[in-house]
Amino acid sequence: MGGGDTCQPQISTAGSTTRGSQKRRRHRSYPPPDNTSSFDPFSCYLIARAIPQIPDHSQDLSYVIILKTVLTGSMRTNHQPWLLFVLLLILSYYTPCFSIAGDTLSPGHSLSLSKRETIVSKDGTFELGFFQPGTSLKFYLGTWFRRFGQKDNIVWVANKENPLSDPSSSTLNLSEDGNLLLFQGSSKIPFWWTNLTFPGSNITEAVLGEDGNFVLRDRSNLSRIFWESFDHITDTWLPGAKLWIDKVTRKQQLFISWKNSQDPAPGVFSLQLDPDGSNQFVLDWNRSQIYWHSGLWNGNYFSNIPEMTMNSIYNFSFVSYENGIYLTHSLHNPSFHSKLVMKCTGEMQLLTWLSGPWVWNSFWSAPRDQSDIYALCCAFGVLYHENSSNPCECLKGFQPFSMNYTRISDWSGGCVRKSALQCENNTYANNATKDWFLKVPNVRLPANSKEYSTVSAMNCDVACMNNCSCTTYAYNRSGYCMIWKGALLNLQQLSDSDQTGQDIYLKLAADESTKELDRFGTVVETARQGAAGILRG
């Protein structure tokens, strides 16, 4: 397939909603220990003192739940000595994250994955360390909101395309020459590094700021920044970060979605300033197809985001500079928290925390409907269950490119044929079972068709059958023959009550003609004659 047909990202450059922490603990009155218990009062006192010390914002909530259950259980039952042993065993087995040096990593020092070491911003808002997304066995260096924990809450990833696999030997080092380097095992080639040249050695330090920006700066001149994570963003836009475009070089900053919920490698969806230079931002697919506009900025809000007319939380502003323009935003109340995430499902979501439990609230999101997200189901996928967590299915005769990916809502691989067409395998013979067309009724037409006028419906049918690169055709009421070559993109099955769609005819392999049909279509008989000259190549 050509670059316009594939759903794999075209560039290799650059996340997500969260869940809250545990409910506030209730104080309980516990019955006095049984007189026959051999559990001594001092041990009971130690456990009682330990309960409040377990942090509710711990990164591993399963650890918190298990530990608190053992502690409280030991006080509510006949206290046996083995319960204390179990508690000590859990504590020795589990190694929580430890902040090694506040917010700073100094030259010659490192963060160890095996020791779960981290650094924490001065105000305690952000934490930087190693993490595993979902059930993945891969490790990454990243930043997250500390009080919300890691799950679905990563805001920046360093080695997004080069994960670590050995937790026992992975470290982040600040070298003597001032560079950050991510190593694994005995390899002398870093998995990720800042790749900077400095005027001298031992002049830098790495600091995690209160805004979530991880910077390399001059130790003797703190305002002198050599490198910052805000210049290498992934899928999350934090207050203070800039979305920019250089009007001379045409280079620009992109917020690019993760490939899926367990892989921070660049996905197919991104957020950027309008390439045409207007004061708005856009969402696009595969760095090639814009599918949503914010509307122009009028100095107070974007015209396609009505929620901003009632905004008392954010302050957005466009700033012009010599060669370009950038968009940034801040919070009116610095005690609030916010993040704008470009999700791997093609949706952009602005999330806020104002007060109360540590859970995110959606301020606004776009697009409103999944049907407005371009090629959400990718090649030969059809949007069938709109506005659901699993909206895509494959067309008849096709299957997911990867079942493992589609299980986590990653349709970037699209769907592939179960059986090859005869023309692809050069197996056609006059007495062989022929390829055929499946009628798929009432759909939104796929993108990128070619139209031919003054052609009959039969000639349109035959012309597509006789051209191996033609995968689908449609014939509209105005007498136009529409042909699709290669993958079908942006296909949506409309409901029975929505009659704005049109029928298409999908070419399937002969082997599929003997299989049971599903709800997506009915068989269409076709002939292999005539229509010469309608399509070529």
Protein backbone atom coordinates (compact mmCIF):
# COMPACT_ATOMS: atom_id res chain seq x y z
CA MET A 1 0.00 0.00 0.00
CA GLY A 2 1.06 3.57 -0.56
CA GLY A 3 1.63 6.14 2.12
CA GLY A 4 -1.98 7.30 1.93
CA ASP A 5 -3.35 3.80 2.51
CA THR A 6 -1.37 2.70 5.51
CA CYS A 7 -2.38 3.51 9.07
CA GLN A 8 1.18 3.26 10.37
CA PRO A 9 2.74 6.62 11.31
CA GLN A 10 4.68 8.28 8.50
CA ILE A 11 7.20 9.97 10.81
CA SER A 12 8.99 8.79 13.89
CA THR A 13 8.46 11.56 16.43
CA ALA A 14 6.50 11.52 19.48
CA GLY A 15 0.38 9.64 27.47
CA SER A 16 -3.73 9.83 29.10
CA THR A 17 -6.86 9.84 31.28
CA THR A 18 -6.56 8.68 34.87
CA ARG A 19 -8.27 7.16 37.79
CA GLY A 20 -8.36 8.54 41.25
CA SER A 21 -6.71 7.31 44.36
CA GLN A 22 -8.26 5.45 47.20
CA LYS A 23 -11.08 6.69 49.38
CA ARG A 24 -10.29 8.40 52.63
CA ARG A 25 -9.76 5.91 55.45
CA ARG A 26 -12.32 5.67 58.20
CA HIS A 27 -11.19 5.41 61.79
CA ARG A 28 -12.45 2.32 63.52
CA SER A 29 -12.61 1.16 67.11
CA TYR A 30 -11.02 -2.26 67.35
CA PRO A 31 -11.91 -4.85 70.01
CA PRO A 32 -9.26 -5.56 72.58
CA PRO A 33 -7.04 -8.54 71.79
CA ASP A 34 -8.01 -11.94 73.07
CA ASN A 35 -6.31 -12.71 76.35
CA THR A 36 -5.16 -16.00 74.89
CA SER A 37 -3.42 -14.30 71.99
CA SER A 38 0.33 -14.41 71.94
CA PHE A 39 0.43 -11.20 69.91
CA ASP A 40 2.15 -8.70 72.20
CA PRO A 41 0.86 -5.11 72.71
CA PHE A 42 4.05 -3.58 71.37
CA SER A 43 3.60 -5.33 68.00
CA CYS A 44 0.00 -4.14 67.93
CA TYR A 45 1.21 -0.63 68.60
CA LEU A 46 3.73 -0.84 65.74
CA ILE A 47 1.04 -1.95 63.31
CA ALA A 48 -1.35 0.77 64.44
CA ARG A 49 1.37 3.35 63.91
CA ALA A 50 2.17 1.90 60.47
CA ILE A 51 -1.34 2.17 59.05
CA PRO A 52 -1.41 5.98 58.61
CA GLN A 53 2.09 5.93 57.10
CA ILE A 54 1.06 4.00 54.00
CA PRO A 55 0.70 6.65 51.27
CA ASP A 56 -2.67 6.78 49.53
CA HIS A 57 -0.94 8.09 46.41
CA SER A 58 1.36 5.06 46.19
CA GLN A 59 2.09 4.07 42.60
CA ASP A 60 1.06 0.47 43.19
CA LEU A 61 -2.42 0.48 44.69
CA SER A 62 -2.39 -3.32 44.95
CA TYR A 63 0.49 -2.99 47.40
CA VAL A 64 -1.47 -0.50 49.49
CA ILE A 65 -4.59 -2.65 49.51
CA ILE A 66 -2.71 -5.83 50.48
CA LEU A 67 -0.68 -4.11 53.15
CA LYS A 68 -3.63 -2.33 54.74
CA THR A 69 -5.69 -5.51 54.65
CA VAL A 70 -2.99 -7.43 56.54
CA LEU A 71 -2.53 -4.63 59.03
CA THR A 72 -6.18 -4.08 59.83
CA GLY A 73 -6.94 -7.79 59.65
CA SER A 74 -4.30 -8.51 62.23
CA MET A 75 -5.99 -6.10 64.63
CA ARG A 76 -9.54 -7.30 64.05
CA THR A 77 -8.88 -10.99 64.59
CA ASN A 78 -7.18 -13.05 67.24
CA HIS A 79 -3.70 -11.74 66.72
CA GLN A 80 -1.29 -14.51 65.87
CA PRO A 81 2.49 -14.08 65.58
CA TRP A 82 2.56 -15.33 61.98
CA LEU A 83 0.59 -12.27 60.85
CA LEU A 84 3.53 -10.06 61.72
CA PHE A 85 5.79 -12.43 59.77
CA VAL A 86 3.50 -12.13 56.72
CA LEU A 87 3.61 -8.35 56.99
CA LEU A 88 7.40 -8.32 57.15
CA LEU A 89 7.55 -10.71 54.19
CA ILE A 90 5.39 -8.38 52.09
CA LEU A 91 7.51 -5.38 53.03
CA SER A 92 10.72 -7.22 52.14
CA TYR A 93 9.32 -8.48 48.80
CA TYR A 94 7.91 -5.17 47.58
CA THR A 95 10.20 -2.24 46.86
CA PRO A 96 8.31 1.06 46.56
CA CYS A 97 9.64 4.05 44.64
CA PHE A 98 12.16 6.11 46.56
CA SER A 99 13.07 9.68 45.78
CA ILE A 100 16.86 9.79 45.89
CA ALA A 101 17.67 13.48 45.86
CA GLY A 102 14.61 15.68 45.85
CA ASP A 103 14.09 17.22 42.43
CA THR A 104 17.70 17.08 41.15
CA LEU A 105 20.04 14.58 39.53
CA SER A 106 23.68 15.69 39.83
CA PRO A 107 26.68 14.81 37.61
CA GLY A 108 27.97 11.31 38.19
CA HIS A 109 24.70 10.18 39.80
CA SER A 110 22.01 7.86 38.42
CA LEU A 111 18.49 6.53 38.87
CA SER A 112 18.16 2.75 39.14
CA LEU A 113 15.17 0.84 37.79
CA SER A 114 15.82 -2.14 40.06
CA LYS A 115 15.72 0.12 43.11
CA ARG A 116 12.66 1.99 41.75
CA GLU A 117 14.41 5.29 42.33
CA THR A 118 12.76 8.55 41.29
CA ILE A 119 13.11 12.28 41.58
CA VAL A 120 10.17 14.45 42.66
CA SER A 121 9.42 18.09 41.85
CA LYS A 122 9.92 20.50 44.75
CA ASP A 123 6.17 20.92 45.33
CA GLY A 124 5.53 17.17 45.09
CA THR A 125 3.30 17.45 42.00
CA PHE A 126 5.41 15.51 39.48
CA GLU A 127 7.60 12.43 39.70
CA LEU A 128 10.16 11.08 37.22
CA GLY A 129 11.25 7.47 37.08
CA PHE A 130 10.69 4.15 35.34
CA PHE A 131 7.29 2.67 34.55
CA GLN A 132 5.53 -0.21 32.77
CA PRO A 133 2.39 0.69 30.78
CA GLY A 134 -0.53 -1.67 31.37
CA THR A 135 0.43 -5.33 31.20
CA SER A 136 3.46 -4.66 29.00
CA LEU A 137 6.76 -6.31 29.91
CA LYS A 138 8.68 -3.28 28.64
CA PHE A 139 10.03 -0.40 30.72
CA TYR A 140 10.23 3.30 29.97
CA LEU A 141 11.59 6.45 31.58
CA GLY A 142 8.87 9.03 32.08
CA THR A 143 7.12 11.66 34.15
CA TRP A 144 3.72 11.46 35.83
CA PHE A 145 1.49 13.37 38.25
CA ARG A 146 2.65 11.93 41.57
CA ARG A 147 -0.60 12.17 43.54
CA PHE A 148 -2.55 10.34 40.81
CA GLY A 149 -0.07 7.47 40.42
CA GLN A 150 1.31 6.05 37.18
CA LYS A 151 -1.70 4.27 35.72
CA ASP A 152 -2.98 6.04 32.58
CA ASN A 153 -1.25 9.16 33.81
CA ILE A 154 2.14 9.41 32.11
CA VAL A 155 2.76 12.93 30.76
CA TRP A 156 6.19 12.48 29.14
CA VAL A 157 8.25 9.52 27.88
CA ALA A 158 11.96 9.60 27.03
CA ASN A 159 12.62 6.28 25.27
CA LYS A 160 9.20 5.94 23.66
CA GLU A 161 10.52 4.00 20.64
CA ASN A 162 13.28 2.07 22.39
CA PRO A 163 11.96 0.33 25.51
CA LEU A 164 14.02 -1.38 28.19
CA SER A 165 13.59 -5.06 28.96
CA ASP A 166 15.98 -5.78 31.84
CA PRO A 167 14.89 -4.10 35.08
CA SER A 168 17.92 -5.35 36.99
CA SER A 169 20.46 -3.39 34.97
CA SER A 170 18.67 -0.27 33.66
CA THR A 171 19.78 3.16 34.83
CA LEU A 172 19.46 6.84 33.95
CA ASN A 173 22.82 8.55 34.29
CA LEU A 174 23.93 12.17 34.26
CA SER A 175 27.38 11.81 32.73
CA GLU A 176 30.43 13.92 33.49
CA ASP A 177 30.05 15.67 30.12
CA GLY A 178 26.56 16.84 31.13
CA ASN A 179 24.37 14.52 29.06
CA LEU A 180 21.51 12.35 30.26
CA LEU A 181 21.98 8.74 29.15
CA LEU A 182 19.70 5.73 29.55
CA PHE A 183 21.59 2.43 29.72
CA GLN A 184 20.70 -1.23 30.03
CA GLY A 185 23.12 -4.00 30.98
CA SER A 186 26.70 -3.78 29.77
CA SER A 187 25.81 -2.01 26.54
CA LYS A 188 27.85 1.11 25.89
CA ILE A 189 25.23 2.40 23.46
CA PRO A 190 22.49 4.33 25.28
CA PHE A 191 18.85 3.45 24.68
CA TRP A 192 18.18 7.19 24.84
CA TRP A 193 20.30 10.30 25.43
CA THR A 194 20.17 14.09 25.15
CA ASN A 195 23.05 14.25 22.63
CA LEU A 196 24.33 17.72 23.56
CA THR A 197 27.78 19.29 23.35
CA PHE A 198 28.79 21.41 26.34
CA PRO A 199 31.63 23.92 26.78
CA GLY A 200 32.94 22.02 29.79
CA SER A 201 32.36 19.10 32.13
CA ASN A 202 30.44 18.97 35.40
CA ILE A 203 28.51 22.15 34.67
CA THR A 204 25.00 20.69 34.38
CA GLU A 205 22.32 19.30 36.61
CA ALA A 206 18.99 17.66 35.73
CA VAL A 207 15.96 19.10 37.51
CA LEU A 208 12.26 18.17 37.49
CA GLY A 209 10.34 21.44 37.66
CA GLU A 210 7.06 22.14 39.40
CA ASP A 211 5.46 22.49 35.95
CA GLY A 212 6.53 18.94 34.97
CA ASN A 213 9.33 20.15 32.69
CA PHE A 214 12.49 18.03 33.03
CA VAL A 215 15.48 20.26 32.22
CA LEU A 216 19.25 20.21 31.93
CA ARG A 217 20.57 23.52 33.19
CA ASP A 218 23.79 25.27 34.13
CA ARG A 219 24.55 24.69 37.80
CA SER A 220 26.07 28.15 38.17
CA ASN A 221 23.42 29.96 36.11
CA LEU A 222 20.03 28.34 36.73
CA SER A 223 18.26 30.34 34.02
CA ARG A 224 20.54 28.87 31.36
CA ILE A 225 18.69 25.85 29.94
CA PHE A 226 20.52 23.41 27.64
CA TRP A 227 17.72 20.91 27.09
CA GLU A 228 14.10 20.48 28.26
CA SER A 229 11.43 17.82 27.94
CA PHE A 230 8.90 20.49 26.86
CA ASP A 231 10.80 20.57 23.54
CA HIS A 232 10.39 16.80 23.16
CA ILE A 233 6.77 16.27 24.13
CA THR A 234 4.75 13.12 23.54
CA ASP A 235 0.95 13.01 23.82
CA THR A 236 0.32 15.40 26.73
CA TRP A 237 0.18 19.21 26.72
CA LEU A 238 0.89 20.64 30.17
CA PRO A 239 0.37 24.29 31.15
CA GLY A 240 3.49 26.25 30.19
CA ALA A 241 4.44 24.02 27.24
CA LYS A 242 4.29 25.57 23.77
CA LEU A 243 2.61 24.41 20.59
CA TRP A 244 4.63 26.21 17.89
CA ILE A 245 5.22 26.47 14.17
CA ASP A 246 8.14 28.08 12.35
CA LYS A 247 6.70 29.82 9.30
CA VAL A 248 10.08 29.90 7.56
CA THR A 249 11.25 26.29 7.94
CA ARG A 250 7.67 24.92 8.29
CA LYS A 251 8.86 22.84 11.24
CA GLN A 252 6.45 22.54 14.13
CA GLN A 253 5.80 21.01 17.51
CA LEU A 254 3.37 18.08 17.49
CA PHE A 255 1.54 16.30 20.29
CA ILE A 256 1.40 12.73 18.99
CA SER A 257 -0.77 9.99 20.45
CA TRP A 258 0.62 6.74 21.79
CA LYS A 259 0.37 3.79 19.41
CA ASN A 260 -1.93 2.16 21.95
CA SER A 261 -2.52 2.14 25.70
CA GLN A 262 0.54 -0.08 26.28
CA ASP A 263 2.95 1.34 23.71
CA PRO A 264 4.07 5.00 23.84
CA ALA A 265 5.64 4.81 20.36
CA PRO A 266 4.17 7.43 17.98
CA GLY A 267 0.61 6.66 16.90
CA VAL A 268 -1.34 7.94 13.90
CA PHE A 269 -3.15 10.86 15.54
CA SER A 270 -1.63 14.25 16.38
CA LEU A 271 -2.44 17.78 17.52
CA GLN A 272 -0.72 20.75 15.88
CA LEU A 273 -1.13 24.38 14.89
CA ASP A 274 -2.85 24.98 11.58
CA PRO A 275 -0.20 24.43 8.85
CA ASP A 276 -1.83 27.25 6.87
CA GLY A 277 -0.77 29.70 9.56
CA SER A 278 -4.17 30.72 10.97
CA ASN A 279 -4.69 31.17 14.71
CA GLN A 280 -6.19 27.78 15.44
CA PHE A 281 -5.06 24.24 16.12
CA VAL A 282 -6.08 21.06 14.34
CA LEU A 283 -6.18 17.30 14.76
CA ASP A 284 -4.84 15.14 11.98
CA TRP A 285 -4.39 11.52 10.96
CA ASN A 286 -1.04 10.13 9.86
CA ARG A 287 0.45 13.66 9.53
CA SER A 288 -1.54 14.00 6.30
CA GLN A 289 -5.31 14.33 6.82
CA ILE A 290 -6.83 17.05 9.03
CA TYR A 291 -10.16 15.92 10.49
CA TRP A 292 -10.96 18.58 13.12
CA HIS A 293 -10.38 22.34 13.58
CA SER A 294 -10.57 24.26 16.85
CA GLY A 295 -11.95 27.27 15.01
CA LEU A 296 -10.22 30.64 14.94
CA TRP A 297 -9.00 32.28 18.14
CA ASN A 298 -10.82 35.56 18.84
CA GLY A 299 -8.71 36.59 21.81
CA ASN A 300 -10.90 34.81 24.36
CA TYR A 301 -11.84 31.41 22.97
CA PHE A 302 -11.77 29.15 19.92
CA SER A 303 -14.96 29.31 17.87
CA ASN A 304 -15.50 25.52 17.73
CA ILE A 305 -15.04 25.05 21.48
CA PRO A 306 -18.17 26.57 23.06
CA GLU A 307 -17.15 25.42 26.55
CA MET A 308 -14.43 28.06 26.54
CA THR A 309 -17.01 30.86 26.63
CA MET A 310 -17.68 29.83 30.22
CA ASN A 311 -14.01 29.35 31.03
CA SER A 312 -12.66 30.73 34.29
CA ILE A 313 -9.91 28.12 34.66
CA TYR A 314 -7.57 28.54 31.67
CA ASN A 315 -5.71 31.36 30.05
CA PHE A 316 -4.79 30.58 26.41
CA SER A 317 -2.65 32.95 24.38
CA PHE A 318 -1.04 33.16 20.94
CA VAL A 319 2.41 34.74 20.83
CA SER A 320 4.17 35.84 17.63
CA TYR A 321 7.94 35.79 17.33
CA GLU A 322 10.39 36.57 14.54
CA ASN A 323 9.87 33.46 12.43
CA GLY A 324 6.63 32.02 13.68
CA ILE A 325 3.95 31.73 16.31
CA TYR A 326 3.21 29.61 19.35
CA LEU A 327 0.19 28.79 21.48
CA THR A 328 0.48 28.25 25.22
CA HIS A 329 -1.84 28.16 28.19
CA SER A 330 -1.78 28.55 31.95
CA LEU A 331 -4.12 28.14 34.91
CA HIS A 332 -5.69 31.12 36.65
CA ASN A 333 -5.35 29.25 39.94
CA PRO A 334 -1.90 27.60 40.24
CA SER A 335 -3.21 25.13 42.83
CA PHE A 336 -5.31 23.47 40.11
CA HIS A 337 -3.92 20.72 37.85
CA SER A 338 -4.56 20.24 34.16
CA LYS A 339 -3.45 18.24 31.12
CA LEU A 340 -4.56 18.07 27.50
CA VAL A 341 -4.10 14.57 26.04
CA MET A 342 -4.03 13.43 22.41
CA LYS A 343 -5.48 9.96 22.86
CA CYS A 344 -4.63 6.91 20.76
CA THR A 345 -8.33 6.74 19.79
CA GLY A 346 -8.09 10.05 17.90
CA GLU A 347 -9.86 12.08 20.57
CA MET A 348 -8.35 15.12 22.28
CA GLN A 349 -9.34 15.59 25.91
CA LEU A 350 -8.72 18.48 28.32
CA LEU A 351 -8.74 17.22 31.91
CA THR A 352 -8.73 19.21 35.13
CA TRP A 353 -8.40 18.69 38.85
CA LEU A 354 -9.72 21.52 41.02
CA SER A 355 -10.13 20.02 44.49
CA GLY A 356 -11.27 16.95 46.39
CA PRO A 357 -10.46 13.31 45.48
CA TRP A 358 -7.53 12.77 43.15
CA VAL A 359 -9.53 12.08 40.01
CA TRP A 360 -9.56 13.93 36.69
CA ASN A 361 -12.63 15.69 35.32
CA SER A 362 -13.17 16.28 31.60
CA PHE A 363 -13.44 19.99 30.78
CA TRP A 364 -14.01 19.36 27.07
CA SER A 365 -13.12 16.89 24.35
CA ALA A 366 -13.11 16.77 20.56
CA PRO A 367 -14.33 15.59 18.17
CA ARG A 368 -17.78 15.09 19.65
CA ASP A 369 -18.50 11.91 17.68
CA GLN A 370 -16.24 9.00 16.78
CA SER A 371 -17.54 9.18 13.22
CA ASP A 372 -15.68 12.49 12.84
CA ILE A 373 -12.32 10.83 13.55
CA TYR A 374 -10.68 10.07 10.24
CA ALA A 375 -9.86 6.40 9.52
CA LEU A 376 -10.41 5.36 13.13
CA CYS A 377 -10.79 1.72 12.07
CA CYS A 378 -8.05 2.01 9.44
CA ALA A 379 -7.71 -0.20 6.33
CA PHE A 380 -10.83 -2.29 5.55
CA GLY A 381 -12.19 -1.61 9.04
CA VAL A 382 -15.70 -0.28 9.46
CA LEU A 383 -16.98 1.99 12.22
CA TYR A 384 -20.01 0.03 13.35
CA HIS A 385 -20.56 0.72 17.06
CA GLU A 386 -20.25 4.50 17.18
CA ASN A 387 -19.33 6.16 20.51
CA SER A 388 -18.44 2.90 22.22
CA SER A 389 -15.20 1.54 23.66
CA ASN A 390 -14.97 -1.03 20.85
CA PRO A 391 -16.37 0.70 17.76
CA CYS A 392 -14.60 -1.14 14.93
CA GLU A 393 -15.08 -4.39 13.05
CA CYS A 394 -13.55 -5.85 9.91
CA LEU A 395 -15.47 -6.13 6.66
CA LYS A 396 -16.61 -9.53 5.44
CA GLY A 397 -13.64 -11.53 4.16
CA PHE A 398 -11.14 -9.62 6.32
CA GLN A 399 -9.64 -10.13 9.78
CA PRO A 400 -7.69 -7.88 12.18
CA PHE A 401 -4.03 -7.45 11.35
CA SER A 402 -3.32 -8.13 15.03
CA MET A 403 -5.84 -9.57 17.47
CA ASN A 404 -3.58 -8.59 20.36
CA TYR A 405 -3.65 -4.95 19.30
CA THR A 406 -7.38 -4.79 18.57
CA ARG A 407 -8.11 -6.19 22.04
CA ILE A 408 -6.64 -2.96 23.44
CA SER A 409 -8.46 -0.80 20.84
CA ASP A 410 -5.44 -0.38 18.57
CA TRP A 411 -6.73 -0.56 14.99
CA SER A 412 -3.70 1.09 13.41
CA GLY A 413 -2.91 -2.17 11.61
CA GLY A 414 -6.42 -2.28 10.18
CA CYS A 415 -7.76 -5.46 8.60
CA VAL A 416 -6.24 -7.85 6.07
CA ARG A 417 -7.76 -10.33 3.64
CA LYS A 418 -8.40 -13.86 4.86
CA SER A 419 -7.90 -15.18 1.33
CA ALA A 420 -5.97 -13.61 -1.54
CA LEU A 421 -7.73 -12.57 -4.74
CA GLN A 422 -7.14 -14.74 -7.78
CA CYS A 423 -5.39 -11.96 -9.67
CA GLU A 424 -2.95 -11.54 -6.79
CA ASN A 425 -1.95 -15.20 -6.94
CA ASN A 426 -2.35 -15.61 -10.73
CA THR A 427 -4.62 -18.59 -10.08
CA TYR A 428 -7.55 -17.68 -12.30
CA ALA A 429 -8.73 -20.24 -14.82
CA ASN A 430 -11.92 -20.32 -16.86
CA ASN A 431 -13.27 -23.29 -14.96
CA ALA A 432 -12.24 -21.95 -11.55
CA THR A 433 -14.56 -20.40 -9.00
CA LYS A 434 -14.45 -16.68 -9.61
CA ASP A 435 -13.84 -13.75 -7.32
CA TRP A 436 -17.05 -11.93 -6.54
CA PHE A 437 -18.55 -8.77 -5.08
CA LEU A 438 -20.24 -8.36 -1.73
CA LYS A 439 -22.88 -5.66 -1.50
CA VAL A 440 -22.34 -3.56 1.63
CA PRO A 441 -25.48 -1.45 2.02
CA ASN A 442 -25.98 2.06 3.39
CA VAL A 443 -22.46 3.13 4.32
CA ARG A 444 -20.63 6.42 4.41
CA LEU A 445 -18.46 6.22 1.33
CA PRO A 446 -14.76 5.57 1.92
CA ALA A 447 -12.21 8.28 1.19
CA ASN A 448 -10.17 8.77 -1.98
CA SER A 449 -12.40 7.43 -4.75
CA LYS A 450 -11.95 8.05 -8.48
CA GLU A 451 -15.05 8.93 -10.49
CA TYR A 452 -15.92 8.00 -14.06
CA SER A 453 -18.97 9.43 -15.82
CA THR A 454 -21.21 8.09 -18.60
CA VAL A 455 -20.61 4.49 -17.51
CA SER A 456 -23.35 1.93 -16.94
CA ALA A 457 -23.66 0.04 -13.69
CA MET A 458 -22.72 -3.25 -15.41
CA ASN A 459 -19.64 -1.71 -17.04
CA CYS A 460 -18.58 -0.24 -13.68
CA ASP A 461 -18.91 -3.69 -12.12
CA VAL A 462 -16.95 -5.47 -14.83
CA ALA A 463 -14.24 -2.83 -15.02
CA CYS A 464 -13.48 -3.21 -11.31
CA MET A 465 -13.48 -6.99 -11.56
CA ASN A 466 -11.00 -6.91 -14.43
CA ASN A 467 -8.59 -4.58 -12.63
CA CYS A 468 -6.65 -6.28 -9.85
CA SER A 469 -5.88 -3.05 -7.98
CA CYS A 470 -9.59 -2.18 -7.80
CA THR A 471 -10.96 -3.36 -4.46
CA THR A 472 -14.41 -1.71 -4.40
CA TYR A 473 -16.85 0.16 -6.61
CA ALA A 474 -20.09 2.10 -6.22
CA TYR A 475 -22.59 3.39 -8.74
CA ASN A 476 -24.59 6.43 -7.72
CA ARG A 477 -27.94 7.76 -8.86
CA SER A 478 -26.30 10.42 -11.03
CA GLY A 479 -24.68 7.83 -13.23
CA TYR A 480 -21.15 8.08 -11.81
CA CYS A 481 -18.97 5.02 -11.39
CA MET A 482 -16.76 5.36 -8.31
CA ILE A 483 -13.70 3.17 -7.99
CA TRP A 484 -11.42 2.54 -4.99
CA LYS A 485 -7.95 1.15 -5.45
CA GLY A 486 -6.02 -0.24 -2.48
CA ALA A 487 -7.23 -0.01 1.10
CA LEU A 488 -10.63 1.38 2.10
CA LEU A 489 -10.36 4.11 4.74
CA ASN A 490 -12.91 6.06 6.80
CA LEU A 491 -15.76 3.61 6.25
CA GLN A 492 -18.83 3.80 8.48
CA GLN A 493 -21.90 1.56 8.61
CA LEU A 494 -24.95 3.81 9.02
CA SER A 495 -28.05 2.85 10.96
CA ASP A 496 -31.25 1.71 9.27
CA SER A 497 -32.87 5.03 10.17
CA ASP A 498 -30.10 6.98 8.43
CA GLN A 499 -30.64 6.65 4.69
CA THR A 500 -27.98 9.16 3.65
CA GLY A 501 -25.50 6.41 2.85
CA GLN A 502 -24.85 4.47 -0.32
CA ASP A 503 -24.21 0.87 -1.30
CA ILE A 504 -20.69 -0.24 -2.17
CA TYR A 505 -19.52 -3.47 -3.78
CA LEU A 506 -16.49 -5.07 -2.15
CA LYS A 507 -14.34 -7.49 -4.14
CA LEU A 508 -13.73 -10.73 -2.25
CA ALA A 509 -11.75 -13.87 -2.95
CA ALA A 510 -13.46 -16.85 -4.51
CA ASP A 511 -12.85 -18.85 -1.32
CA GLU A 512 -15.09 -16.44 0.60
CA SER A 513 -18.10 -17.09 -1.67
CA THR A 514 -18.80 -20.44 -0.01
CA LYS A 515 -18.75 -19.04 3.50
CA GLU A 516 -21.72 -17.82 5.47
CA LEU A 517 -22.45 -14.11 5.01
CA ASP A 518 -22.75 -11.70 7.91
CA ARG A 519 -24.77 -8.55 8.46
CA PHE A 520 -22.48 -6.40 6.32
CA GLY A 521 -23.76 -7.51 2.90
CA THR A 522 -25.30 -9.77 0.28
CA VAL A 523 -23.77 -11.57 -2.70
CA VAL A 524 -23.77 -9.83 -6.05
CA GLU A 525 -23.32 -11.94 -9.21
CA THR A 526 -21.06 -10.42 -11.84
CA ALA A 527 -19.85 -11.06 -15.40
CA ARG A 528 -16.31 -10.82 -16.73
CA GLN A 529 -16.89 -9.20 -20.06
CA GLY A 530 -17.15 -5.76 -21.64
CA ALA A 531 -16.17 -2.50 -19.99
CA ALA A 532 -12.86 -2.49 -21.81
CA GLY A 533 -10.99 0.75 -21.41
CA ILE A 534 -12.83 2.09 -18.33
CA LEU A 535 -9.94 1.32 -16.00
CA ARG A 536 -6.30 0.74 -16.79
CA GLY A 537 -3.36 -0.27 -14.57
